[in-house]
Amino acid sequence: MAKGKFHLTFPEQLIREPVIYSVGQRFSLVTNIRRANVDPEEGHGWVILEMEGTEENLADAIAWLLDQGVEVERLTDEAT
């Protein structure tokens, strides 16, 4: 199993969508929200998300998130 921690930044049109639930279900990943800030009034949101699964599923999930318009940055353990 592979595990990674990611900083996700959501565009305004996605902040009310179940993106994290969808990525977990679609790619058979265990997701764990470590920190988050969503401000619908300002139209932005970010999440520090741990994802665990196969390397292939993680890579596919990241590609899907990027395709949806989510900015994805992989973090090291020291970053959060």
PDB file of N, CA and C in Angstrom:
ATOM      1  N   MET A   1       0.831  -1.192   0.000  1.00  0.00           N
ATOM      2  CA  MET A   1       0.000   0.000   0.000  1.00  0.00           C
ATOM      3  C   MET A   1       0.868   1.246   0.000  1.00  0.00           C
ATOM      4  N   ALA A   2       0.411   2.221  -0.722  1.00  0.00           N
ATOM      5  CA  ALA A   2       1.090   3.508  -0.784  1.00  0.00           C
ATOM      6  C   ALA A   2       0.250   4.530  -0.028  1.00  0.00           C
ATOM      7  N   LYS A   3       0.936   5.520   0.512  1.00  0.00           N
ATOM      8  CA  LYS A   3       0.253   6.556   1.273  1.00  0.00           C
ATOM      9  C   LYS A   3       0.884   7.891   0.932  1.00  0.00           C
ATOM     10  N   GLY A   4       0.081   8.929   0.844  1.00  0.00           N
ATOM     11  CA  GLY A   4       0.601  10.257   0.569  1.00  0.00           C
ATOM     12  C   GLY A   4      -0.251  11.308   1.220  1.00  0.00           C
ATOM     13  N   LYS A   5       0.363  12.466   1.443  1.00  0.00           N
ATOM     14  CA  LYS A   5      -0.337  13.617   2.016  1.00  0.00           C
ATOM     15  C   LYS A   5      -0.311  14.713   0.958  1.00  0.00           C
ATOM     16  N   PHE A   6      -1.464  15.341   0.742  1.00  0.00           N
ATOM     17  CA  PHE A   6      -1.615  16.280  -0.355  1.00  0.00           C
ATOM     18  C   PHE A   6      -2.332  17.543   0.101  1.00  0.00           C
ATOM     19  N   HIS A   7      -1.926  18.666  -0.488  1.00  0.00           N
ATOM     20  CA  HIS A   7      -2.631  19.934  -0.303  1.00  0.00           C
ATOM     21  C   HIS A   7      -3.474  20.126  -1.564  1.00  0.00           C
ATOM     22  N   LEU A   8      -4.788  20.147  -1.380  1.00  0.00           N
ATOM     23  CA  LEU A   8      -5.715  20.319  -2.495  1.00  0.00           C
ATOM     24  C   LEU A   8      -6.346  21.704  -2.401  1.00  0.00           C
ATOM     25  N   THR A   9      -6.352  22.422  -3.505  1.00  0.00           N
ATOM     26  CA  THR A   9      -7.006  23.721  -3.586  1.00  0.00           C
ATOM     27  C   THR A   9      -8.134  23.608  -4.599  1.00  0.00           C
ATOM     28  N   PHE A  10      -9.335  23.942  -4.143  1.00  0.00           N
ATOM     29  CA  PHE A  10     -10.525  23.751  -4.952  1.00  0.00           C
ATOM     30  C   PHE A  10     -10.974  25.048  -5.607  1.00  0.00           C
ATOM     31  N   PRO A  11     -11.355  24.968  -6.893  1.00  0.00           N
ATOM     32  CA  PRO A  11     -11.942  26.143  -7.536  1.00  0.00           C
ATOM     33  C   PRO A  11     -13.365  26.355  -7.018  1.00  0.00           C
ATOM     34  N   GLU A  12     -13.865  27.548  -7.211  1.00  0.00           N
ATOM     35  CA  GLU A  12     -15.166  27.928  -6.659  1.00  0.00           C
ATOM     36  C   GLU A  12     -16.283  26.951  -7.025  1.00  0.00           C
ATOM     37  N   GLN A  13     -16.306  26.456  -8.250  1.00  0.00           N
ATOM     38  CA  GLN A  13     -17.404  25.598  -8.685  1.00  0.00           C
ATOM     39  C   GLN A  13     -17.385  24.216  -8.023  1.00  0.00           C
ATOM     40  N   LEU A  14     -16.304  23.864  -7.337  1.00  0.00           N
ATOM     41  CA  LEU A  14     -16.217  22.542  -6.704  1.00  0.00           C
ATOM     42  C   LEU A  14     -16.332  22.562  -5.189  1.00  0.00           C
ATOM     43  N   ILE A  15     -16.384  23.725  -4.566  1.00  0.00           N
ATOM     44  CA  ILE A  15     -16.326  23.734  -3.100  1.00  0.00           C
ATOM     45  C   ILE A  15     -17.556  23.140  -2.433  1.00  0.00           C
ATOM     46  N   ARG A  16     -18.644  23.017  -3.155  1.00  0.00           N
ATOM     47  CA  ARG A  16     -19.854  22.405  -2.588  1.00  0.00           C
ATOM     48  C   ARG A  16     -20.082  20.985  -3.104  1.00  0.00           C
ATOM     49  N   GLU A  17     -19.127  20.449  -3.857  1.00  0.00           N
ATOM     50  CA  GLU A  17     -19.243  19.102  -4.424  1.00  0.00           C
ATOM     51  C   GLU A  17     -18.519  18.083  -3.538  1.00  0.00           C
ATOM     52  N   PRO A  18     -18.974  16.826  -3.524  1.00  0.00           N
ATOM     53  CA  PRO A  18     -18.346  15.792  -2.686  1.00  0.00           C
ATOM     54  C   PRO A  18     -17.093  15.190  -3.347  1.00  0.00           C
ATOM     55  N   VAL A  19     -16.115  16.026  -3.629  1.00  0.00           N
ATOM     56  CA  VAL A  19     -14.924  15.603  -4.365  1.00  0.00           C
ATOM     57  C   VAL A  19     -14.124  14.560  -3.579  1.00  0.00           C
ATOM     58  N   ILE A  20     -13.929  14.766  -2.294  1.00  0.00           N
ATOM     59  CA  ILE A  20     -13.123  13.828  -1.500  1.00  0.00           C
ATOM     60  C   ILE A  20     -13.823  12.485  -1.391  1.00  0.00           C
ATOM     61  N   TYR A  21     -15.114  12.493  -1.166  1.00  0.00           N
ATOM     62  CA  TYR A  21     -15.871  11.241  -1.149  1.00  0.00           C
ATOM     63  C   TYR A  21     -15.737  10.536  -2.502  1.00  0.00           C
ATOM     64  N   SER A  22     -15.907  11.292  -3.584  1.00  0.00           N
ATOM     65  CA  SER A  22     -15.834  10.716  -4.927  1.00  0.00           C
ATOM     66  C   SER A  22     -14.476  10.101  -5.215  1.00  0.00           C
ATOM     67  N   VAL A  23     -13.405  10.779  -4.830  1.00  0.00           N
ATOM     68  CA  VAL A  23     -12.065  10.244  -5.116  1.00  0.00           C
ATOM     69  C   VAL A  23     -11.821   8.963  -4.319  1.00  0.00           C
ATOM     70  N   GLY A  24     -12.307   8.907  -3.095  1.00  0.00           N
ATOM     71  CA  GLY A  24     -12.157   7.691  -2.297  1.00  0.00           C
ATOM     72  C   GLY A  24     -12.914   6.520  -2.889  1.00  0.00           C
ATOM     73  N   GLN A  25     -14.163   6.763  -3.293  1.00  0.00           N
ATOM     74  CA  GLN A  25     -14.998   5.709  -3.854  1.00  0.00           C
ATOM     75  C   GLN A  25     -14.519   5.281  -5.239  1.00  0.00           C
ATOM     76  N   ARG A  26     -14.248   6.247  -6.085  1.00  0.00           N
ATOM     77  CA  ARG A  26     -13.888   5.976  -7.482  1.00  0.00           C
ATOM     78  C   ARG A  26     -12.567   5.213  -7.606  1.00  0.00           C
ATOM     79  N   PHE A  27     -11.619   5.500  -6.698  1.00  0.00           N
ATOM     80  CA  PHE A  27     -10.278   4.923  -6.827  1.00  0.00           C
ATOM     81  C   PHE A  27      -9.914   3.993  -5.678  1.00  0.00           C
ATOM     82  N   SER A  28     -10.895   3.565  -4.906  1.00  0.00           N
ATOM     83  CA  SER A  28     -10.690   2.612  -3.795  1.00  0.00           C
ATOM     84  C   SER A  28      -9.581   3.078  -2.855  1.00  0.00           C
ATOM     85  N   LEU A  29      -9.651   4.326  -2.448  1.00  0.00           N
ATOM     86  CA  LEU A  29      -8.662   4.904  -1.552  1.00  0.00           C
ATOM     87  C   LEU A  29      -9.277   5.173  -0.186  1.00  0.00           C
ATOM     88  N   VAL A  30      -8.455   5.067   0.840  1.00  0.00           N
ATOM     89  CA  VAL A  30      -8.845   5.506   2.169  1.00  0.00           C
ATOM     90  C   VAL A  30      -8.405   6.962   2.266  1.00  0.00           C
ATOM     91  N   THR A  31      -9.352   7.844   2.581  1.00  0.00           N
ATOM     92  CA  THR A  31      -9.032   9.267   2.682  1.00  0.00           C
ATOM     93  C   THR A  31      -9.166   9.720   4.129  1.00  0.00           C
ATOM     94  N   ASN A  32      -8.314  10.655   4.507  1.00  0.00           N
ATOM     95  CA  ASN A  32      -8.325  11.195   5.859  1.00  0.00           C
ATOM     96  C   ASN A  32      -8.049  12.692   5.770  1.00  0.00           C
ATOM     97  N   ILE A  33      -9.044  13.499   6.116  1.00  0.00           N
ATOM     98  CA  ILE A  33      -8.871  14.952   6.096  1.00  0.00           C
ATOM     99  C   ILE A  33      -8.096  15.355   7.352  1.00  0.00           C
ATOM    100  N   ARG A  34      -6.945  15.971   7.158  1.00  0.00           N
ATOM    101  CA  ARG A  34      -6.097  16.390   8.274  1.00  0.00           C
ATOM    102  C   ARG A  34      -6.364  17.845   8.669  1.00  0.00           C
ATOM    103  N   ARG A  35      -6.607  18.693   7.694  1.00  0.00           N
ATOM    104  CA  ARG A  35      -6.945  20.100   7.917  1.00  0.00           C
ATOM    105  C   ARG A  35      -7.767  20.565   6.727  1.00  0.00           C
ATOM    106  N   ALA A  36      -8.576  21.583   6.953  1.00  0.00           N
ATOM    107  CA  ALA A  36      -9.363  22.112   5.844  1.00  0.00           C
ATOM    108  C   ALA A  36      -9.840  23.517   6.160  1.00  0.00           C
ATOM    109  N   ASN A  37     -10.080  24.270   5.105  1.00  0.00           N
ATOM    110  CA  ASN A  37     -10.688  25.585   5.218  1.00  0.00           C
ATOM    111  C   ASN A  37     -11.502  25.810   3.946  1.00  0.00           C
ATOM    112  N   VAL A  38     -12.808  25.948   4.122  1.00  0.00           N
ATOM    113  CA  VAL A  38     -13.696  26.200   2.995  1.00  0.00           C
ATOM    114  C   VAL A  38     -14.489  27.455   3.305  1.00  0.00           C
ATOM    115  N   ASP A  39     -14.454  28.400   2.392  1.00  0.00           N
ATOM    116  CA  ASP A  39     -15.178  29.658   2.563  1.00  0.00           C
ATOM    117  C   ASP A  39     -16.061  29.888   1.339  1.00  0.00           C
ATOM    118  N   PRO A  40     -17.313  29.401   1.388  1.00  0.00           N
ATOM    119  CA  PRO A  40     -18.204  29.561   0.242  1.00  0.00           C
ATOM    120  C   PRO A  40     -18.454  31.025  -0.124  1.00  0.00           C
ATOM    121  N   GLU A  41     -18.438  31.908   0.866  1.00  0.00           N
ATOM    122  CA  GLU A  41     -18.674  33.327   0.596  1.00  0.00           C
ATOM    123  C   GLU A  41     -17.548  33.917  -0.255  1.00  0.00           C
ATOM    124  N   GLU A  42     -16.332  33.479   0.010  1.00  0.00           N
ATOM    125  CA  GLU A  42     -15.173  33.962  -0.746  1.00  0.00           C
ATOM    126  C   GLU A  42     -14.913  33.123  -1.997  1.00  0.00           C
ATOM    127  N   GLY A  43     -15.533  31.942  -2.061  1.00  0.00           N
ATOM    128  CA  GLY A  43     -15.410  31.108  -3.246  1.00  0.00           C
ATOM    129  C   GLY A  43     -14.111  30.337  -3.349  1.00  0.00           C
ATOM    130  N   HIS A  44     -13.552  29.909  -2.218  1.00  0.00           N
ATOM    131  CA  HIS A  44     -12.340  29.102  -2.289  1.00  0.00           C
ATOM    132  C   HIS A  44     -12.298  28.121  -1.130  1.00  0.00           C
ATOM    133  N   GLY A  45     -11.469  27.107  -1.299  1.00  0.00           N
ATOM    134  CA  GLY A  45     -11.287  26.125  -0.239  1.00  0.00           C
ATOM    135  C   GLY A  45     -10.019  25.324  -0.459  1.00  0.00           C
ATOM    136  N   TRP A  46      -9.483  24.822   0.639  1.00  0.00           N
ATOM    137  CA  TRP A  46      -8.311  23.954   0.557  1.00  0.00           C
ATOM    138  C   TRP A  46      -8.442  22.856   1.607  1.00  0.00           C
ATOM    139  N   VAL A  47      -7.751  21.756   1.351  1.00  0.00           N
ATOM    140  CA  VAL A  47      -7.776  20.599   2.242  1.00  0.00           C
ATOM    141  C   VAL A  47      -6.387  19.978   2.270  1.00  0.00           C
ATOM    142  N   ILE A  48      -5.944  19.573   3.460  1.00  0.00           N
ATOM    143  CA  ILE A  48      -4.784  18.700   3.583  1.00  0.00           C
ATOM    144  C   ILE A  48      -5.374  17.292   3.713  1.00  0.00           C
ATOM    145  N   LEU A  49      -5.095  16.453   2.737  1.00  0.00           N
ATOM    146  CA  LEU A  49      -5.739  15.149   2.646  1.00  0.00           C
ATOM    147  C   LEU A  49      -4.695  14.043   2.569  1.00  0.00           C
ATOM    148  N   GLU A  50      -4.842  13.043   3.431  1.00  0.00           N
ATOM    149  CA  GLU A  50      -4.045  11.820   3.308  1.00  0.00           C
ATOM    150  C   GLU A  50      -4.851  10.841   2.480  1.00  0.00           C
ATOM    151  N   MET A  51      -4.173  10.167   1.569  1.00  0.00           N
ATOM    152  CA  MET A  51      -4.803   9.133   0.759  1.00  0.00           C
ATOM    153  C   MET A  51      -3.942   7.884   0.817  1.00  0.00           C
ATOM    154  N   GLU A  52      -4.589   6.733   0.942  1.00  0.00           N
ATOM    155  CA  GLU A  52      -3.873   5.468   1.017  1.00  0.00           C
ATOM    156  C   GLU A  52      -4.532   4.464   0.087  1.00  0.00           C
ATOM    157  N   GLY A  53      -3.701   3.764  -0.676  1.00  0.00           N
ATOM    158  CA  GLY A  53      -4.166   2.754  -1.617  1.00  0.00           C
ATOM    159  C   GLY A  53      -2.988   2.280  -2.439  1.00  0.00           C
ATOM    160  N   THR A  54      -3.272   1.702  -3.584  1.00  0.00           N
ATOM    161  CA  THR A  54      -2.178   1.265  -4.447  1.00  0.00           C
ATOM    162  C   THR A  54      -1.544   2.485  -5.124  1.00  0.00           C
ATOM    163  N   GLU A  55      -0.300   2.339  -5.547  1.00  0.00           N
ATOM    164  CA  GLU A  55       0.383   3.429  -6.264  1.00  0.00           C
ATOM    165  C   GLU A  55      -0.406   3.815  -7.511  1.00  0.00           C
ATOM    166  N   GLU A  56      -0.898   2.820  -8.225  1.00  0.00           N
ATOM    167  CA  GLU A  56      -1.659   3.076  -9.452  1.00  0.00           C
ATOM    168  C   GLU A  56      -2.934   3.865  -9.146  1.00  0.00           C
ATOM    169  N   ASN A  57      -3.655   3.480  -8.094  1.00  0.00           N
ATOM    170  CA  ASN A  57      -4.882   4.188  -7.744  1.00  0.00           C
ATOM    171  C   ASN A  57      -4.599   5.614  -7.278  1.00  0.00           C
ATOM    172  N   LEU A  58      -3.506   5.796  -6.540  1.00  0.00           N
ATOM    173  CA  LEU A  58      -3.127   7.154  -6.135  1.00  0.00           C
ATOM    174  C   LEU A  58      -2.827   8.024  -7.354  1.00  0.00           C
ATOM    175  N   ALA A  59      -2.061   7.487  -8.282  1.00  0.00           N
ATOM    176  CA  ALA A  59      -1.714   8.243  -9.490  1.00  0.00           C
ATOM    177  C   ALA A  59      -2.968   8.566 -10.306  1.00  0.00           C
ATOM    178  N   ASP A  60      -3.865   7.600 -10.432  1.00  0.00           N
ATOM    179  CA  ASP A  60      -5.113   7.830 -11.168  1.00  0.00           C
ATOM    180  C   ASP A  60      -5.973   8.878 -10.471  1.00  0.00           C
ATOM    181  N   ALA A  61      -6.012   8.836  -9.146  1.00  0.00           N
ATOM    182  CA  ALA A  61      -6.800   9.798  -8.377  1.00  0.00           C
ATOM    183  C   ALA A  61      -6.258  11.212  -8.555  1.00  0.00           C
ATOM    184  N   ILE A  62      -4.949  11.349  -8.508  1.00  0.00           N
ATOM    185  CA  ILE A  62      -4.332  12.668  -8.688  1.00  0.00           C
ATOM    186  C   ILE A  62      -4.635  13.200 -10.088  1.00  0.00           C
ATOM    187  N   ALA A  63      -4.523  12.341 -11.093  1.00  0.00           N
ATOM    188  CA  ALA A  63      -4.836  12.756 -12.467  1.00  0.00           C
ATOM    189  C   ALA A  63      -6.298  13.187 -12.578  1.00  0.00           C
ATOM    190  N   TRP A  64      -7.199  12.455 -11.935  1.00  0.00           N
ATOM    191  CA  TRP A  64      -8.621  12.791 -11.976  1.00  0.00           C
ATOM    192  C   TRP A  64      -8.877  14.132 -11.283  1.00  0.00           C
ATOM    193  N   LEU A  65      -8.254  14.339 -10.123  1.00  0.00           N
ATOM    194  CA  LEU A  65      -8.418  15.605  -9.402  1.00  0.00           C
ATOM    195  C   LEU A  65      -7.951  16.781 -10.263  1.00  0.00           C
ATOM    196  N   LEU A  66      -6.795  16.632 -10.878  1.00  0.00           N
ATOM    197  CA  LEU A  66      -6.282  17.685 -11.753  1.00  0.00           C
ATOM    198  C   LEU A  66      -7.244  17.950 -12.902  1.00  0.00           C
ATOM    199  N   ASP A  67      -7.793  16.881 -13.464  1.00  0.00           N
ATOM    200  CA  ASP A  67      -8.746  17.004 -14.569  1.00  0.00           C
ATOM    201  C   ASP A  67     -10.021  17.734 -14.138  1.00  0.00           C
ATOM    202  N   GLN A  68     -10.387  17.603 -12.871  1.00  0.00           N
ATOM    203  CA  GLN A  68     -11.568  18.283 -12.336  1.00  0.00           C
ATOM    204  C   GLN A  68     -11.306  19.764 -12.071  1.00  0.00           C
ATOM    205  N   GLY A  69     -10.036  20.166 -12.071  1.00  0.00           N
ATOM    206  CA  GLY A  69      -9.683  21.560 -11.804  1.00  0.00           C
ATOM    207  C   GLY A  69      -9.134  21.805 -10.417  1.00  0.00           C
ATOM    208  N   VAL A  70      -8.861  20.724  -9.667  1.00  0.00           N
ATOM    209  CA  VAL A  70      -8.294  20.836  -8.327  1.00  0.00           C
ATOM    210  C   VAL A  70      -6.778  20.953  -8.453  1.00  0.00           C
ATOM    211  N   GLU A  71      -6.181  21.913  -7.754  1.00  0.00           N
ATOM    212  CA  GLU A  71      -4.723  22.002  -7.689  1.00  0.00           C
ATOM    213  C   GLU A  71      -4.240  20.991  -6.659  1.00  0.00           C
ATOM    214  N   VAL A  72      -3.221  20.209  -7.013  1.00  0.00           N
ATOM    215  CA  VAL A  72      -2.725  19.150  -6.131  1.00  0.00           C
ATOM    216  C   VAL A  72      -1.239  19.344  -5.904  1.00  0.00           C
ATOM    217  N   GLU A  73      -0.857  19.396  -4.633  1.00  0.00           N
ATOM    218  CA  GLU A  73       0.555  19.487  -4.266  1.00  0.00           C
ATOM    219  C   GLU A  73       0.842  18.375  -3.252  1.00  0.00           C
ATOM    220  N   ARG A  74       1.821  17.523  -3.569  1.00  0.00           N
ATOM    221  CA  ARG A  74       2.204  16.466  -2.626  1.00  0.00           C
ATOM    222  C   ARG A  74       3.053  17.073  -1.528  1.00  0.00           C
ATOM    223  N   LEU A  75       2.761  16.720  -0.281  1.00  0.00           N
ATOM    224  CA  LEU A  75       3.465  17.277   0.860  1.00  0.00           C
ATOM    225  C   LEU A  75       4.369  16.224   1.494  1.00  0.00           C
ATOM    226  N   THR A  76       5.395  16.702   2.176  1.00  0.00           N
ATOM    227  CA  THR A  76       6.207  15.813   3.006  1.00  0.00           C
ATOM    228  C   THR A  76       5.647  15.871   4.407  1.00  0.00           C
ATOM    229  N   ASP A  77       6.031  14.943   5.254  1.00  0.00           N
ATOM    230  CA  ASP A  77       5.539  14.912   6.626  1.00  0.00           C
ATOM    231  C   ASP A  77       5.907  16.185   7.399  1.00  0.00           C
ATOM    232  N   GLU A  78       7.020  16.811   7.042  1.00  0.00           N
ATOM    233  CA  GLU A  78       7.454  18.003   7.751  1.00  0.00           C
ATOM    234  C   GLU A  78       6.604  19.226   7.377  1.00  0.00           C
ATOM    235  N   ALA A  79       5.870  19.158   6.265  1.00  0.00           N
ATOM    236  CA  ALA A  79       5.121  20.325   5.776  1.00  0.00           C
ATOM    237  C   ALA A  79       3.848  20.591   6.558  1.00  0.00           C
ATOM    238  N   THR A  80       3.343  19.601   7.318  1.00  0.00           N
ATOM    239  CA  THR A  80       2.107  19.823   8.061  1.00  0.00           C
ATOM    240  C   THR A  80       2.228  19.313   9.466  1.00  0.00           C
TER     241      THR A  80
END
